[in-house]
Protein backbone atom coordinates (compact mmCIF):
# COMPACT_ATOMS: atom_id res chain seq x y z
CA MET A 1 13.04 -10.84 -6.10
CA ALA A 2 14.49 -9.58 -9.16
CA ILE A 3 11.03 -10.84 -10.88
CA ILE A 4 9.09 -8.89 -8.69
CA GLU A 5 11.46 -5.18 -8.80
CA CYS A 6 11.67 -6.04 -12.82
CA GLY A 7 7.98 -5.62 -12.37
CA ILE A 8 7.31 -2.34 -9.91
CA ILE A 9 10.60 -0.60 -11.73
CA ILE A 10 8.73 -1.28 -15.16
CA ASN A 11 5.53 -0.11 -14.24
CA LEU A 12 7.52 3.36 -12.33
CA VAL A 13 8.75 3.90 -15.58
CA MET A 14 5.34 3.34 -17.50
CA VAL A 15 3.84 6.10 -15.03
CA ALA A 16 6.50 8.42 -15.12
CA PHE A 17 6.40 8.08 -19.24
CA ALA A 18 2.43 8.90 -18.86
CA TYR A 19 2.90 11.98 -16.83
CA THR A 20 5.71 13.02 -19.04
CA THR A 21 3.46 13.91 -21.69
CA TRP A 22 1.31 15.69 -19.26
CA LEU A 23 3.76 17.56 -17.73
CA GLU A 24 5.27 18.88 -20.93
CA ARG A 25 1.48 19.21 -22.37
CA LYS A 26 1.16 21.96 -19.28
CA VAL A 27 4.43 23.30 -19.57
CA LEU A 28 4.47 24.18 -23.40
CA GLY A 29 0.83 25.42 -22.64
CA ARG A 30 2.05 27.99 -19.91
CA MET A 31 5.16 29.20 -21.92
CA GLN A 32 2.68 29.66 -25.20
CA ARG A 33 -0.04 31.67 -22.67
CA ARG A 34 -2.66 28.78 -22.63
CA PHE A 35 -3.81 26.37 -20.30
CA GLY A 36 -3.18 23.32 -21.67
CA PRO A 37 -4.87 19.97 -20.49
CA ASN A 38 -7.45 20.82 -18.60
CA ARG A 39 -10.34 18.70 -18.75
CA ALA A 40 -9.46 15.25 -17.80
CA GLY A 41 -10.04 14.63 -14.59
CA PRO A 42 -8.55 18.08 -11.50
CA PHE A 43 -5.78 20.02 -13.54
CA GLY A 44 -5.94 17.50 -16.28
CA LEU A 45 -4.46 15.24 -14.36
CA LEU A 46 -5.98 12.16 -15.96
CA GLN A 47 -5.37 12.92 -19.35
CA PRO A 48 -2.77 10.28 -20.02
CA ILE A 49 -5.52 7.88 -19.57
CA ALA A 50 -7.56 9.36 -21.72
CA ASP A 51 -4.88 9.51 -24.31
CA LEU A 52 -4.20 5.59 -23.58
CA VAL A 53 -7.89 4.69 -24.35
CA LYS A 54 -8.22 6.83 -27.59
CA LEU A 55 -5.04 4.54 -29.25
CA VAL A 56 -6.32 1.49 -27.51
CA ARG A 57 -9.98 2.22 -29.27
CA LYS A 58 -8.40 3.52 -32.48
CA GLU A 59 -7.81 1.70 -35.27
CA SER A 60 -4.00 0.46 -36.88
CA PHE A 61 -4.05 0.68 -40.40
CA PHE A 62 -2.01 -1.35 -42.06
CA PRO A 63 0.04 -0.11 -45.09
CA SER A 64 -1.09 -1.87 -48.24
CA ALA A 65 2.69 -1.96 -49.71
CA ALA A 66 3.99 -2.40 -46.44
CA HIS A 67 6.86 -5.24 -45.16
CA GLU A 68 4.26 -6.84 -42.50
CA LEU A 69 6.67 -8.37 -40.25
CA PRO A 70 9.27 -6.03 -39.82
CA TYR A 71 6.15 -2.94 -39.95
CA ILE A 72 4.80 -4.73 -36.85
CA LEU A 73 8.66 -5.40 -35.21
CA ALA A 74 9.74 -2.51 -35.58
CA PRO A 75 7.99 -0.54 -32.70
CA ILE A 76 8.27 -3.16 -30.28
CA LEU A 77 11.96 -3.44 -30.46
CA SER A 78 12.17 0.31 -30.13
CA THR A 79 10.21 0.35 -26.64
CA PHE A 80 12.00 -2.96 -25.33
CA THR A 81 15.28 -1.33 -25.63
CA ALA A 82 14.32 1.41 -24.03
CA LEU A 83 12.54 -0.25 -21.09
CA ALA A 84 15.50 -2.69 -20.38
CA ALA A 85 18.13 0.26 -20.52
CA PHE A 86 16.64 0.85 -17.28
CA ALA A 87 17.04 -2.29 -15.30
CA VAL A 88 21.50 -1.18 -14.69
CA ILE A 89 20.21 2.47 -13.53
CA PRO A 90 21.08 3.22 -9.61
CA TRP A 91 18.15 5.09 -8.08
CA GLY A 92 18.83 4.01 -5.02
CA LYS A 93 21.79 2.11 -2.12
CA GLY A 94 19.32 -0.80 -1.31
CA TRP A 95 17.48 -1.91 1.80
CA THR A 96 16.52 -4.72 3.85
CA VAL A 97 13.19 -5.68 3.41
CA HIS A 98 11.95 -8.59 5.96
CA GLY A 99 15.14 -10.47 5.79
CA TYR A 100 15.28 -9.81 1.85
CA TYR A 101 17.88 -7.83 0.92
CA VAL A 102 16.36 -5.13 -2.17
CA PRO A 103 19.44 -3.62 -4.23
CA GLY A 104 18.90 -0.03 -5.79
CA ALA A 105 18.87 -0.99 -8.86
CA VAL A 106 17.58 -4.29 -10.86
CA SER A 107 21.13 -5.68 -12.06
CA SER A 108 24.13 -3.91 -11.17
CA LEU A 109 26.87 -5.65 -13.99
CA PRO A 110 30.27 -5.09 -14.39
CA ILE A 111 29.91 -3.03 -17.60
CA SER A 112 26.35 -1.68 -16.99
CA LEU A 113 27.36 1.27 -18.72
CA ILE A 114 28.17 -0.40 -22.21
CA LEU A 115 24.88 -2.22 -21.85
CA ILE A 116 23.30 0.80 -21.97
CA PHE A 117 24.82 2.38 -24.73
CA ALA A 118 24.89 -1.30 -26.99
CA LEU A 119 21.04 -1.10 -25.97
CA GLY A 120 20.74 2.30 -27.56
CA SER A 121 22.11 1.16 -30.92
CA ILE A 122 20.15 -1.65 -30.73
CA GLY A 123 16.57 0.18 -30.67
CA ILE A 124 17.94 2.60 -33.43
CA TYR A 125 17.23 -0.35 -36.12
CA GLY A 126 13.95 0.02 -34.67
CA TYR A 127 13.25 3.36 -36.28
CA ILE A 128 15.42 2.92 -39.02
CA VAL A 129 13.16 -0.51 -39.88
CA GLY A 130 10.05 1.21 -39.36
CA GLY A 131 10.38 3.60 -41.98
CA TRP A 132 11.85 1.32 -44.43
CA ALA A 133 9.08 -1.39 -43.75
CA SER A 134 5.94 1.45 -44.31
CA GLU A 135 7.08 2.09 -48.49
CA SER A 136 6.49 5.64 -48.15
CA LYS A 137 8.87 8.15 -49.57
CA TYR A 138 8.56 10.42 -46.05
CA SER A 139 8.99 7.17 -43.75
CA ILE A 140 11.94 6.07 -45.67
CA LEU A 141 13.49 10.20 -45.81
CA GLY A 142 12.49 9.66 -41.78
CA SER A 143 14.55 6.64 -41.42
CA MET A 144 17.70 7.46 -43.54
CA ARG A 145 17.93 10.82 -41.41
CA THR A 146 17.25 8.84 -38.36
CA CYS A 147 20.37 6.82 -39.02
CA ALA A 148 22.73 9.53 -40.44
CA GLN A 149 21.98 11.56 -37.04
CA LEU A 150 21.56 8.92 -34.17
CA VAL A 151 24.99 7.09 -35.30
CA SER A 152 26.47 11.12 -35.20
CA TYR A 153 25.55 12.11 -32.32
CA GLU A 154 25.91 8.62 -30.41
CA VAL A 155 30.27 8.52 -30.84
CA SER A 156 30.37 11.97 -29.06
CA LEU A 157 27.68 10.65 -26.34
CA ALA A 158 30.03 7.62 -25.63
CA LEU A 159 33.03 10.07 -25.70
CA SER A 160 31.89 12.36 -23.00
CA VAL A 161 31.09 9.92 -20.40
CA LEU A 162 34.89 8.42 -21.19
CA GLY A 163 36.27 11.41 -18.59
CA VAL A 164 33.71 10.09 -16.25
CA VAL A 165 34.87 6.30 -16.52
CA LEU A 166 38.24 7.39 -16.13
CA MET A 167 37.29 9.30 -12.91
CA GLY A 168 35.16 6.80 -11.07
CA GLN A 169 37.58 3.54 -12.38
CA SER A 170 35.29 1.67 -13.21
CA LEU A 171 32.30 1.44 -15.44
CA ASN A 172 29.67 0.31 -12.88
CA LEU A 173 27.31 2.72 -12.19
CA VAL A 174 26.91 2.07 -8.69
CA ASP A 175 30.77 2.48 -8.76
CA ILE A 176 30.61 5.71 -10.07
CA VAL A 177 28.15 7.27 -8.44
CA ASN A 178 30.07 6.16 -5.13
CA LYS A 179 32.88 7.51 -6.03
CA GLN A 180 31.29 10.87 -6.80
CA GLN A 181 30.16 10.82 -2.93
CA SER A 182 33.79 10.17 -1.46
CA THR A 183 35.05 12.92 -3.78
CA VAL A 184 32.89 15.69 -6.02
CA TRP A 185 30.49 15.34 -7.82
CA PHE A 186 31.51 14.78 -11.56
CA PHE A 187 29.72 17.67 -13.13
CA ILE A 188 32.68 19.60 -11.72
CA PRO A 189 35.38 18.58 -13.12
CA GLN A 190 33.38 17.38 -15.88
CA PHE A 191 31.31 19.94 -16.48
CA VAL A 192 32.21 20.29 -20.46
CA GLY A 193 31.57 15.86 -20.81
CA LEU A 194 28.03 17.50 -19.42
CA CYS A 195 27.58 19.82 -21.85
CA VAL A 196 28.27 17.47 -24.76
CA PHE A 197 26.41 14.63 -23.13
CA LEU A 198 23.09 16.42 -22.85
CA LEU A 199 23.24 17.82 -26.40
CA GLY A 200 24.60 14.23 -27.53
CA GLY A 201 21.63 12.86 -25.46
CA ILE A 202 18.80 15.37 -27.17
CA ALA A 203 19.74 14.59 -30.38
CA GLU A 204 19.88 10.44 -29.70
CA THR A 205 16.05 11.55 -28.46
CA SER A 206 15.21 13.39 -31.57
CA ARG A 207 14.27 16.03 -29.55
CA PRO A 208 13.83 19.78 -30.65
CA PRO A 209 15.47 21.41 -31.62
CA PHE A 210 17.53 18.36 -32.99
CA ASP A 211 13.63 16.70 -34.58
CA LEU A 212 15.10 16.57 -37.96
CA PRO A 213 14.23 12.56 -38.33
CA GLU A 214 10.26 13.34 -37.92
CA ALA A 215 10.18 17.24 -38.54
CA ASP A 216 6.34 17.58 -39.25
CA THR A 217 7.30 20.83 -41.76
CA GLU A 218 9.13 18.89 -43.90
CA LEU A 219 8.36 14.55 -43.30
CA VAL A 220 4.88 14.73 -42.40
CA ALA A 221 6.09 13.25 -39.18
CA GLY A 222 8.84 11.05 -39.94
CA TYR A 223 9.63 7.36 -39.69
CA HIS A 224 6.26 6.59 -38.28
CA THR A 225 4.29 8.46 -41.00
CA GLU A 226 2.25 5.44 -41.93
CA TYR A 227 1.76 4.18 -38.11
CA SER A 228 -1.31 4.44 -36.10
CA GLY A 229 -3.45 3.39 -32.80
CA MET A 230 -1.12 1.36 -30.35
CA ARG A 231 1.92 0.99 -32.96
CA TRP A 232 2.23 4.14 -33.13
CA GLY A 233 2.17 4.73 -29.33
CA LEU A 234 4.94 2.39 -28.72
CA PHE A 235 7.04 4.58 -30.94
CA GLN A 236 5.92 7.81 -28.41
CA MET A 237 6.72 6.04 -25.85
CA ALA A 238 9.93 4.26 -26.91
CA GLU A 239 10.82 8.47 -27.34
CA TYR A 240 9.30 9.11 -23.76
CA ILE A 241 11.14 6.51 -22.52
CA ASN A 242 14.51 7.29 -23.87
CA MET A 243 14.27 10.62 -22.62
CA ILE A 244 13.85 9.19 -19.02
CA VAL A 245 16.91 7.09 -19.02
CA LEU A 246 19.23 9.55 -20.30
CA SER A 247 18.32 12.18 -17.73
CA SER A 248 18.49 9.17 -15.47
CA LEU A 249 22.14 8.57 -16.74
CA ALA A 250 23.10 11.73 -16.63
CA VAL A 251 21.83 12.41 -12.54
CA THR A 252 23.95 9.11 -12.20
CA LEU A 253 26.62 10.25 -13.91
CA PHE A 254 27.18 13.62 -13.14
CA PHE A 255 24.86 14.57 -10.41
CA GLY A 256 26.00 12.11 -7.41
CA GLY A 257 23.04 9.27 -8.40
CA TRP A 258 20.75 9.00 -5.21
CA HIS A 259 23.24 11.07 -3.35
CA PHE A 260 22.35 14.20 -1.24
CA PRO A 261 25.11 16.75 -1.36
CA TRP A 262 27.40 16.76 1.90
CA VAL A 263 24.48 15.18 4.28
CA PRO A 264 25.09 11.38 4.00
CA SER A 265 22.23 10.22 6.62
CA LEU A 266 19.86 11.59 3.82
CA ASP A 267 20.57 8.47 1.52
CA LYS A 268 17.70 6.68 3.38
CA PHE A 269 15.63 8.54 0.66
CA GLY A 270 17.66 8.15 -2.44
CA PRO A 271 15.01 7.37 -4.48
CA ILE A 272 13.51 10.75 -3.51
CA TRP A 273 16.69 12.95 -4.47
CA PHE A 274 17.23 10.89 -7.62
CA CYS A 275 13.71 11.77 -8.87
CA LEU A 276 13.91 15.66 -8.16
CA LYS A 277 17.29 15.95 -9.80
CA LEU A 278 15.38 13.19 -12.84
CA ALA A 279 12.56 16.00 -12.88
CA ILE A 280 15.09 18.45 -13.08
CA LEU A 281 16.28 17.32 -16.34
CA VAL A 282 13.32 16.20 -18.04
CA ASN A 283 11.84 19.81 -17.52
CA ALA A 284 15.37 20.74 -19.36
CA PHE A 285 14.27 18.99 -22.45
CA ILE A 286 10.29 20.38 -22.38
CA TRP A 287 11.98 24.47 -22.47
CA LEU A 288 14.24 23.35 -24.84
CA ARG A 289 11.46 22.17 -26.46
CA ALA A 290 9.30 25.67 -26.46
CA SER A 291 12.10 28.32 -26.94
CA GLN A 292 14.48 27.43 -29.88
CA PRO A 293 14.29 26.20 -33.06
CA ARG A 294 14.90 23.46 -35.24
CA LEU A 295 18.29 23.47 -36.82
CA ARG A 296 18.61 22.84 -40.32
CA TYR A 297 19.68 19.11 -41.36
CA ASP A 298 23.60 20.22 -42.40
CA GLN A 299 23.90 22.27 -39.24
CA LEU A 300 22.88 19.49 -37.11
CA MET A 301 25.10 17.71 -38.72
CA ARG A 302 28.37 19.68 -38.80
CA PHE A 303 27.73 20.80 -35.26
CA GLY A 304 27.97 16.88 -34.25
CA TRP A 305 30.66 16.59 -36.10
CA LYS A 306 32.84 19.88 -36.02
CA ILE A 307 31.92 20.78 -32.84
CA LEU A 308 30.53 18.39 -30.59
CA LEU A 309 32.73 15.60 -31.74
CA PRO A 310 36.59 17.54 -30.99
CA ALA A 311 35.12 18.85 -28.08
CA ALA A 312 34.15 15.55 -26.16
CA THR A 313 37.41 14.20 -27.92
CA ILE A 314 39.91 16.62 -26.13
CA ASN A 315 37.90 16.53 -22.73
CA ALA A 316 38.93 12.43 -22.67
CA LEU A 317 42.05 13.00 -23.81
CA VAL A 318 42.60 16.02 -20.97
CA THR A 319 40.86 13.73 -18.25
CA ALA A 320 43.22 10.50 -18.97
CA LEU A 321 46.20 12.70 -18.79
CA LEU A 322 45.36 14.67 -15.64
CA VAL A 323 44.07 11.43 -13.96
CA VAL A 324 47.81 9.74 -14.84
CA TRP A 325 49.20 13.11 -13.55
CA VAL A 326 47.79 12.58 -9.94
CA LYS A 327 48.53 9.36 -9.84
């Protein structure tokens, strides 16, 4: 049953990734007063399939000076860790189908939140190694920026969820979701933590306006400059799936997960509520790309260390004091 559920979840995430690219191109097109993809299928709905066919058929060239093994393995590592992180995201309360219990998450671990951050830290190596192994100045600069940016913002990202852990009294995501249903959604008492989490998540996924590791106007494409075909496609897949995972984590930690507010009987439609909340957050990522200019690198680092990190630290300390005082 777990293997079947893994297969279903992986395929659903892959479909979500494909049509997130379509949604982004449509929304960006409308915000820039153009149509976006509208040729492949009705409303351009077959555009992700056309893109896949193009990437599969496109030649995956290999730079003569590149280090072969790490060059090939880097995009695979990034994609694997992004997909694996979704294994502990709960998207429903669970169901009984023909006598078999199907849980709402592939794996509900006591330390599922730590596992997500651990997988995210491992995935960073894919970007760093890919840029280094390409033996290109632009790629190496992109991987150096990736290392500095993701390590810097990961600290704030981890501290931003500490308040949620203290209020939920657990590192298990299912327990945190159930705690919100019995009390209040944590985006209300943890509004500062939510803001830090979202800003840190944008930087962690290298999305605009924090896309310095792959700044087109400065580094051509950053760490994946020397990649093409499906190897390039795997890096893009990892970026979009990481965006979906972080949005899913925000829904789980701050917006009640699969629960519908005030009406417990509607929780049987948990996956629908979860997907609606997820779609809203993914759209927020897209709107930021269309509306905000890219920061300078010194502004990016200053914002992470001098604003986000102190805010996350103060939020965690205040939450800890309040939790102890209430007890």
